[in-house]
Amino acid sequence: MAAITTNLAELYISTNKLKGVVSLVQKNADNVVILSEELTDGRSAVLGLDSPRDAVYIEGEIEIDDTDTTGQVALATAKASKAAVASVAFYPNGKSTGAKKFSGSVYVVAIPNLGSTGNTSKTRKGSLKLVWSATPTEGVES
């Protein structure tokens, strides 16, 4: 699976669109150099996966929005509890009829701190990284 980069990408948790997406990239971790079985085992535990060589992940930048309770707040809660997030759909070129989509469950590896800094005059941004719990299902939006 090649890297897919776009500013049109959308991410949904169930039917709720993740707010504040600036850019998202989906990558396959098969290009990661693994030097020993020990490193393989360690990486697997960190990502919550059985096979790190098959890891597919989404990373990108989001504008922080602590009012996005069904999106960013839900992802932050899942990261804190180390739980998988079910019913995630990634649309590399936006959601529309016939659009390519990848779906499944993800683990949250990185999400920006949603806490207020007191300065509301600037748009705050941060990095997001989600790892699919298994190879995502590839399909099209109906």
N, C-alpha and C. Protein backbone atom coordinates (compact mmCIF):
# COMPACT_ATOMS: atom_id res chain seq x y z
N MET A 1 0.84 -1.16 0.00
CA MET A 1 0.00 0.00 0.00
C MET A 1 0.89 1.23 0.00
N ALA A 2 0.76 2.10 -0.95
CA ALA A 2 1.58 3.31 -1.05
C ALA A 2 1.08 4.37 -0.09
N ALA A 3 1.93 5.34 0.21
CA ALA A 3 1.52 6.46 1.05
C ALA A 3 0.49 7.28 0.30
N ILE A 4 -0.53 7.70 1.02
CA ILE A 4 -1.58 8.52 0.43
C ILE A 4 -1.59 9.84 1.19
N THR A 5 -1.29 10.93 0.52
CA THR A 5 -1.24 12.24 1.15
C THR A 5 -2.22 13.16 0.47
N THR A 6 -2.99 13.87 1.27
CA THR A 6 -3.94 14.80 0.70
C THR A 6 -4.44 15.76 1.76
N ASN A 7 -4.82 16.94 1.35
CA ASN A 7 -5.46 17.88 2.26
C ASN A 7 -6.96 17.72 2.20
N LEU A 8 -7.47 16.86 1.33
CA LEU A 8 -8.90 16.62 1.21
C LEU A 8 -9.37 15.50 2.12
N ALA A 9 -8.44 14.83 2.77
CA ALA A 9 -8.77 13.64 3.56
C ALA A 9 -9.75 13.96 4.67
N GLU A 10 -10.59 12.96 4.96
CA GLU A 10 -11.54 13.06 6.06
C GLU A 10 -11.46 11.78 6.87
N LEU A 11 -11.68 11.92 8.16
CA LEU A 11 -11.67 10.79 9.07
C LEU A 11 -12.96 10.81 9.86
N TYR A 12 -13.62 9.66 9.91
CA TYR A 12 -14.88 9.54 10.63
C TYR A 12 -14.76 8.50 11.72
N ILE A 13 -15.38 8.77 12.86
CA ILE A 13 -15.56 7.79 13.91
C ILE A 13 -17.05 7.55 13.94
N SER A 14 -17.45 6.35 13.53
CA SER A 14 -18.85 6.04 13.30
C SER A 14 -19.36 7.01 12.24
N THR A 15 -20.36 7.81 12.54
CA THR A 15 -20.88 8.77 11.55
C THR A 15 -20.39 10.18 11.81
N ASN A 16 -19.46 10.34 12.77
CA ASN A 16 -19.00 11.67 13.18
C ASN A 16 -17.67 12.03 12.55
N LYS A 17 -17.66 13.12 11.81
CA LYS A 17 -16.45 13.60 11.14
C LYS A 17 -15.50 14.23 12.16
N LEU A 18 -14.22 13.86 12.09
CA LEU A 18 -13.20 14.46 12.93
C LEU A 18 -13.01 15.91 12.49
N LYS A 19 -13.14 16.83 13.43
CA LYS A 19 -13.01 18.25 13.11
C LYS A 19 -11.54 18.68 13.08
N GLY A 20 -11.26 19.71 12.32
CA GLY A 20 -9.95 20.34 12.34
C GLY A 20 -8.86 19.66 11.56
N VAL A 21 -9.19 18.75 10.66
CA VAL A 21 -8.15 18.06 9.90
C VAL A 21 -7.44 19.04 8.97
N VAL A 22 -6.13 19.14 9.11
CA VAL A 22 -5.32 19.96 8.22
C VAL A 22 -4.77 19.08 7.10
N SER A 23 -4.17 17.96 7.48
CA SER A 23 -3.65 17.00 6.50
C SER A 23 -3.55 15.64 7.16
N LEU A 24 -3.71 14.61 6.35
CA LEU A 24 -3.58 13.23 6.82
C LEU A 24 -2.83 12.41 5.78
N VAL A 25 -2.04 11.46 6.26
CA VAL A 25 -1.29 10.55 5.41
C VAL A 25 -1.53 9.14 5.93
N GLN A 26 -1.79 8.20 5.05
CA GLN A 26 -1.86 6.80 5.45
C GLN A 26 -0.61 6.11 4.92
N LYS A 27 0.06 5.39 5.81
CA LYS A 27 1.32 4.73 5.44
C LYS A 27 1.31 3.29 5.89
N ASN A 28 2.16 2.51 5.25
CA ASN A 28 2.39 1.14 5.63
C ASN A 28 3.76 1.10 6.29
N ALA A 29 3.84 0.47 7.46
CA ALA A 29 5.11 0.45 8.21
C ALA A 29 6.08 -0.59 7.71
N ASP A 30 5.83 -1.21 6.55
CA ASP A 30 6.74 -2.26 6.09
C ASP A 30 8.10 -1.72 5.67
N ASN A 31 8.24 -0.40 5.62
CA ASN A 31 9.54 0.16 5.28
C ASN A 31 10.36 0.48 6.53
N VAL A 32 9.84 0.12 7.72
CA VAL A 32 10.57 0.35 8.96
C VAL A 32 11.65 -0.72 9.11
N VAL A 33 12.87 -0.29 9.42
CA VAL A 33 13.97 -1.22 9.61
C VAL A 33 13.85 -1.82 11.00
N ILE A 34 13.80 -3.14 11.07
CA ILE A 34 13.74 -3.85 12.35
C ILE A 34 15.04 -4.63 12.48
N LEU A 35 15.79 -4.33 13.55
CA LEU A 35 17.13 -4.87 13.69
C LEU A 35 17.19 -6.22 14.41
N SER A 36 16.20 -6.53 15.23
CA SER A 36 16.24 -7.79 15.96
C SER A 36 14.84 -8.20 16.38
N GLU A 37 14.69 -9.46 16.80
CA GLU A 37 13.40 -9.92 17.29
C GLU A 37 12.98 -9.14 18.52
N GLU A 38 13.94 -8.74 19.34
CA GLU A 38 13.62 -7.98 20.55
C GLU A 38 12.96 -6.66 20.18
N LEU A 39 13.50 -5.98 19.19
CA LEU A 39 12.89 -4.73 18.74
C LEU A 39 11.52 -4.98 18.16
N THR A 40 11.37 -6.05 17.43
CA THR A 40 10.07 -6.40 16.85
C THR A 40 9.05 -6.59 17.96
N ASP A 41 9.41 -7.35 18.98
CA ASP A 41 8.49 -7.60 20.09
C ASP A 41 8.14 -6.31 20.81
N GLY A 42 9.12 -5.47 21.04
CA GLY A 42 8.87 -4.21 21.73
C GLY A 42 7.96 -3.29 20.94
N ARG A 43 8.18 -3.20 19.66
CA ARG A 43 7.34 -2.33 18.82
C ARG A 43 5.92 -2.85 18.77
N SER A 44 5.76 -4.14 18.73
CA SER A 44 4.44 -4.75 18.71
C SER A 44 3.65 -4.36 19.96
N ALA A 45 4.30 -4.42 21.10
CA ALA A 45 3.62 -4.10 22.36
C ALA A 45 3.23 -2.63 22.40
N VAL A 46 4.10 -1.77 21.91
CA VAL A 46 3.81 -0.34 21.92
C VAL A 46 2.60 -0.02 21.04
N LEU A 47 2.53 -0.63 19.88
CA LEU A 47 1.45 -0.34 18.96
C LEU A 47 0.18 -1.13 19.26
N GLY A 48 0.26 -2.14 20.10
CA GLY A 48 -0.89 -2.96 20.38
C GLY A 48 -1.22 -3.91 19.25
N LEU A 49 -0.20 -4.35 18.55
CA LEU A 49 -0.40 -5.20 17.37
C LEU A 49 0.31 -6.52 17.54
N ASP A 50 -0.17 -7.54 16.84
CA ASP A 50 0.50 -8.83 16.84
C ASP A 50 1.67 -8.85 15.87
N SER A 51 1.53 -8.14 14.75
CA SER A 51 2.56 -8.17 13.72
C SER A 51 2.93 -6.75 13.29
N PRO A 52 4.00 -6.19 13.85
CA PRO A 52 4.36 -4.82 13.51
C PRO A 52 4.75 -4.63 12.05
N ARG A 53 5.16 -5.70 11.38
CA ARG A 53 5.53 -5.57 9.97
C ARG A 53 4.32 -5.25 9.09
N ASP A 54 3.12 -5.58 9.58
CA ASP A 54 1.90 -5.32 8.82
C ASP A 54 1.20 -4.04 9.25
N ALA A 55 1.80 -3.28 10.15
CA ALA A 55 1.15 -2.08 10.69
C ALA A 55 0.89 -1.05 9.59
N VAL A 56 -0.34 -0.59 9.56
CA VAL A 56 -0.74 0.50 8.66
C VAL A 56 -1.22 1.61 9.57
N TYR A 57 -0.77 2.82 9.31
CA TYR A 57 -1.15 3.90 10.22
C TYR A 57 -1.51 5.17 9.46
N ILE A 58 -2.19 6.05 10.18
CA ILE A 58 -2.59 7.35 9.66
C ILE A 58 -1.91 8.39 10.55
N GLU A 59 -1.27 9.35 9.93
CA GLU A 59 -0.70 10.44 10.72
C GLU A 59 -0.95 11.74 10.00
N GLY A 60 -0.96 12.81 10.76
CA GLY A 60 -1.20 14.10 10.16
C GLY A 60 -1.27 15.19 11.20
N GLU A 61 -1.81 16.31 10.77
CA GLU A 61 -1.91 17.49 11.62
C GLU A 61 -3.37 17.89 11.74
N ILE A 62 -3.76 18.27 12.95
CA ILE A 62 -5.12 18.75 13.18
C ILE A 62 -5.08 20.07 13.92
N GLU A 63 -6.11 20.87 13.70
CA GLU A 63 -6.32 22.07 14.50
C GLU A 63 -7.06 21.62 15.75
N ILE A 64 -6.54 21.94 16.89
CA ILE A 64 -7.08 21.45 18.15
C ILE A 64 -8.46 22.06 18.40
N ASP A 65 -9.41 21.19 18.71
CA ASP A 65 -10.79 21.60 18.97
C ASP A 65 -11.34 20.76 20.12
N ASP A 66 -11.28 21.32 21.35
CA ASP A 66 -11.74 20.55 22.50
C ASP A 66 -13.26 20.50 22.60
N THR A 67 -13.98 21.09 21.63
CA THR A 67 -15.44 20.95 21.58
C THR A 67 -15.85 19.77 20.71
N ASP A 68 -14.89 19.14 20.04
CA ASP A 68 -15.17 18.00 19.18
C ASP A 68 -15.26 16.73 20.04
N THR A 69 -16.35 16.61 20.79
CA THR A 69 -16.48 15.52 21.76
C THR A 69 -16.57 14.14 21.12
N THR A 70 -17.10 14.05 19.91
CA THR A 70 -17.22 12.74 19.25
C THR A 70 -16.02 12.43 18.38
N GLY A 71 -15.07 13.34 18.30
CA GLY A 71 -13.87 13.16 17.49
C GLY A 71 -12.61 13.24 18.32
N GLN A 72 -12.06 14.45 18.45
CA GLN A 72 -10.79 14.62 19.14
C GLN A 72 -10.85 14.21 20.61
N VAL A 73 -11.92 14.57 21.31
CA VAL A 73 -12.03 14.20 22.72
C VAL A 73 -12.16 12.68 22.87
N ALA A 74 -12.93 12.06 21.98
CA ALA A 74 -13.08 10.60 22.01
C ALA A 74 -11.74 9.91 21.76
N LEU A 75 -10.93 10.44 20.84
CA LEU A 75 -9.61 9.86 20.56
C LEU A 75 -8.68 10.03 21.76
N ALA A 76 -8.72 11.20 22.39
CA ALA A 76 -7.88 11.44 23.57
C ALA A 76 -8.26 10.50 24.71
N THR A 77 -9.55 10.27 24.89
CA THR A 77 -10.03 9.35 25.93
C THR A 77 -9.56 7.93 25.64
N ALA A 78 -9.65 7.52 24.38
CA ALA A 78 -9.20 6.18 24.00
C ALA A 78 -7.70 6.02 24.23
N LYS A 79 -6.92 7.05 23.93
CA LYS A 79 -5.48 6.98 24.14
C LYS A 79 -5.18 6.82 25.64
N ALA A 80 -5.86 7.60 26.46
CA ALA A 80 -5.63 7.54 27.90
C ALA A 80 -5.96 6.17 28.48
N SER A 81 -6.99 5.53 27.94
CA SER A 81 -7.39 4.22 28.45
C SER A 81 -6.78 3.06 27.66
N LYS A 82 -5.95 3.40 26.65
CA LYS A 82 -5.29 2.40 25.80
C LYS A 82 -6.29 1.46 25.14
N ALA A 83 -7.43 2.02 24.75
CA ALA A 83 -8.50 1.23 24.13
C ALA A 83 -8.52 1.48 22.62
N ALA A 84 -8.98 0.49 21.88
CA ALA A 84 -9.15 0.65 20.44
C ALA A 84 -10.41 1.48 20.18
N VAL A 85 -10.37 2.22 19.09
CA VAL A 85 -11.53 3.00 18.65
C VAL A 85 -12.13 2.25 17.46
N ALA A 86 -13.38 1.83 17.60
CA ALA A 86 -14.04 1.05 16.55
C ALA A 86 -14.73 1.95 15.54
N SER A 87 -15.07 1.38 14.42
CA SER A 87 -15.86 2.05 13.37
C SER A 87 -15.21 3.33 12.85
N VAL A 88 -13.92 3.24 12.56
CA VAL A 88 -13.19 4.38 11.99
C VAL A 88 -13.14 4.21 10.47
N ALA A 89 -13.37 5.31 9.77
CA ALA A 89 -13.29 5.30 8.30
C ALA A 89 -12.41 6.46 7.85
N PHE A 90 -11.44 6.15 6.99
CA PHE A 90 -10.52 7.16 6.45
C PHE A 90 -10.79 7.28 4.96
N TYR A 91 -11.06 8.50 4.52
CA TYR A 91 -11.31 8.80 3.11
C TYR A 91 -10.17 9.67 2.60
N PRO A 92 -9.22 9.13 1.84
CA PRO A 92 -8.06 9.89 1.39
C PRO A 92 -8.40 11.13 0.57
N ASN A 93 -9.48 11.07 -0.20
CA ASN A 93 -9.85 12.21 -1.06
C ASN A 93 -11.19 12.80 -0.69
N GLY A 94 -11.60 12.63 0.55
CA GLY A 94 -12.88 13.16 1.01
C GLY A 94 -13.99 12.14 0.85
N LYS A 95 -15.04 12.32 1.63
CA LYS A 95 -16.17 11.39 1.62
C LYS A 95 -17.21 11.83 0.60
N SER A 96 -17.48 10.96 -0.35
CA SER A 96 -18.53 11.17 -1.34
C SER A 96 -18.88 9.80 -1.92
N THR A 97 -19.99 9.72 -2.60
CA THR A 97 -20.39 8.45 -3.21
C THR A 97 -19.30 7.98 -4.17
N GLY A 98 -18.88 6.74 -4.01
CA GLY A 98 -17.84 6.16 -4.86
C GLY A 98 -16.42 6.45 -4.40
N ALA A 99 -16.26 7.21 -3.30
CA ALA A 99 -14.92 7.56 -2.81
C ALA A 99 -14.25 6.35 -2.17
N LYS A 100 -12.93 6.23 -2.36
CA LYS A 100 -12.14 5.17 -1.73
C LYS A 100 -12.15 5.39 -0.22
N LYS A 101 -12.31 4.30 0.52
CA LYS A 101 -12.26 4.41 1.98
C LYS A 101 -11.56 3.21 2.58
N PHE A 102 -10.99 3.43 3.74
CA PHE A 102 -10.36 2.38 4.54
C PHE A 102 -11.07 2.39 5.88
N SER A 103 -11.46 1.22 6.37
CA SER A 103 -12.21 1.19 7.62
C SER A 103 -11.74 0.08 8.53
N GLY A 104 -12.00 0.27 9.81
CA GLY A 104 -11.63 -0.70 10.83
C GLY A 104 -11.51 -0.04 12.18
N SER A 105 -10.75 -0.65 13.07
CA SER A 105 -10.49 -0.10 14.40
C SER A 105 -9.06 0.40 14.47
N VAL A 106 -8.84 1.44 15.28
CA VAL A 106 -7.50 2.02 15.43
C VAL A 106 -7.12 2.16 16.90
N TYR A 107 -5.81 2.22 17.13
CA TYR A 107 -5.27 2.62 18.42
C TYR A 107 -4.70 4.02 18.24
N VAL A 108 -4.89 4.86 19.24
CA VAL A 108 -4.38 6.23 19.19
C VAL A 108 -2.97 6.23 19.78
N VAL A 109 -1.99 6.57 18.96
CA VAL A 109 -0.60 6.61 19.40
C VAL A 109 -0.22 8.03 19.81
N ALA A 110 -0.74 9.03 19.11
CA ALA A 110 -0.44 10.43 19.44
C ALA A 110 -1.63 11.30 19.11
N ILE A 111 -1.93 12.22 20.03
CA ILE A 111 -2.97 13.23 19.81
C ILE A 111 -2.55 14.45 20.62
N PRO A 112 -2.80 15.66 20.10
CA PRO A 112 -2.38 16.85 20.84
C PRO A 112 -3.14 16.99 22.17
N ASN A 113 -2.51 17.68 23.10
CA ASN A 113 -3.16 18.01 24.37
C ASN A 113 -4.30 18.97 24.08
N LEU A 114 -5.50 18.60 24.48
CA LEU A 114 -6.68 19.41 24.19
C LEU A 114 -6.91 20.51 25.20
N GLY A 115 -6.12 20.55 26.27
CA GLY A 115 -6.31 21.56 27.32
C GLY A 115 -6.09 22.96 26.81
N SER A 116 -6.79 23.90 27.39
CA SER A 116 -6.70 25.30 26.99
C SER A 116 -5.37 25.90 27.42
N THR A 117 -4.81 26.74 26.56
CA THR A 117 -3.58 27.45 26.91
C THR A 117 -3.90 28.87 27.38
N GLY A 118 -5.16 29.23 27.34
CA GLY A 118 -5.56 30.56 27.75
C GLY A 118 -5.50 31.56 26.62
N ASN A 119 -4.79 31.26 25.55
CA ASN A 119 -4.68 32.16 24.41
C ASN A 119 -5.61 31.65 23.31
N THR A 120 -6.77 32.26 23.21
CA THR A 120 -7.75 31.81 22.22
C THR A 120 -7.65 32.59 20.90
N SER A 121 -6.68 33.49 20.80
CA SER A 121 -6.55 34.29 19.57
C SER A 121 -5.80 33.54 18.47
N LYS A 122 -5.11 32.45 18.82
CA LYS A 122 -4.35 31.69 17.83
C LYS A 122 -4.96 30.31 17.64
N THR A 123 -4.91 29.82 16.41
CA THR A 123 -5.33 28.45 16.14
C THR A 123 -4.19 27.54 16.54
N ARG A 124 -4.47 26.61 17.43
CA ARG A 124 -3.46 25.68 17.88
C ARG A 124 -3.53 24.42 17.03
N LYS A 125 -2.37 23.87 16.68
CA LYS A 125 -2.30 22.65 15.88
C LYS A 125 -1.45 21.62 16.60
N GLY A 126 -1.64 20.37 16.20
CA GLY A 126 -0.84 19.30 16.78
C GLY A 126 -0.85 18.08 15.90
N SER A 127 -0.02 17.11 16.27
CA SER A 127 0.13 15.89 15.49
C SER A 127 -0.82 14.80 15.97
N LEU A 128 -1.33 14.06 15.00
CA LEU A 128 -2.22 12.94 15.26
C LEU A 128 -1.61 11.70 14.61
N LYS A 129 -1.60 10.58 15.35
CA LYS A 129 -1.16 9.32 14.76
C LYS A 129 -2.07 8.21 15.26
N LEU A 130 -2.65 7.49 14.31
CA LEU A 130 -3.54 6.37 14.60
C LEU A 130 -2.99 5.13 13.91
N VAL A 131 -2.99 4.00 14.60
CA VAL A 131 -2.51 2.74 14.03
C VAL A 131 -3.69 1.80 13.92
N TRP A 132 -3.91 1.29 12.71
CA TRP A 132 -5.00 0.32 12.51
C TRP A 132 -4.70 -0.91 13.35
N SER A 133 -5.71 -1.48 14.00
CA SER A 133 -5.51 -2.66 14.84
C SER A 133 -5.26 -3.90 13.98
N ALA A 134 -5.67 -3.87 12.74
CA ALA A 134 -5.43 -4.92 11.74
C ALA A 134 -5.43 -4.21 10.39
N THR A 135 -5.06 -4.90 9.35
CA THR A 135 -5.09 -4.29 8.02
C THR A 135 -6.50 -3.76 7.77
N PRO A 136 -6.63 -2.47 7.43
CA PRO A 136 -7.96 -1.91 7.23
C PRO A 136 -8.66 -2.51 6.01
N THR A 137 -9.97 -2.51 6.08
CA THR A 137 -10.78 -2.98 4.96
C THR A 137 -10.84 -1.86 3.92
N GLU A 138 -10.48 -2.18 2.70
CA GLU A 138 -10.51 -1.19 1.63
C GLU A 138 -11.80 -1.34 0.86
N GLY A 139 -12.46 -0.22 0.58
CA GLY A 139 -13.72 -0.27 -0.16
C GLY A 139 -14.05 1.09 -0.75
N VAL A 140 -15.30 1.25 -1.14
CA VAL A 140 -15.78 2.54 -1.65
C VAL A 140 -17.05 2.93 -0.91
N GLU A 141 -17.25 4.22 -0.79
CA GLU A 141 -18.44 4.75 -0.11
C GLU A 141 -19.65 4.56 -1.00
N SER A 142 -20.72 4.09 -0.41
CA SER A 142 -21.94 3.88 -1.20
C SER A 142 -22.95 5.00 -0.98
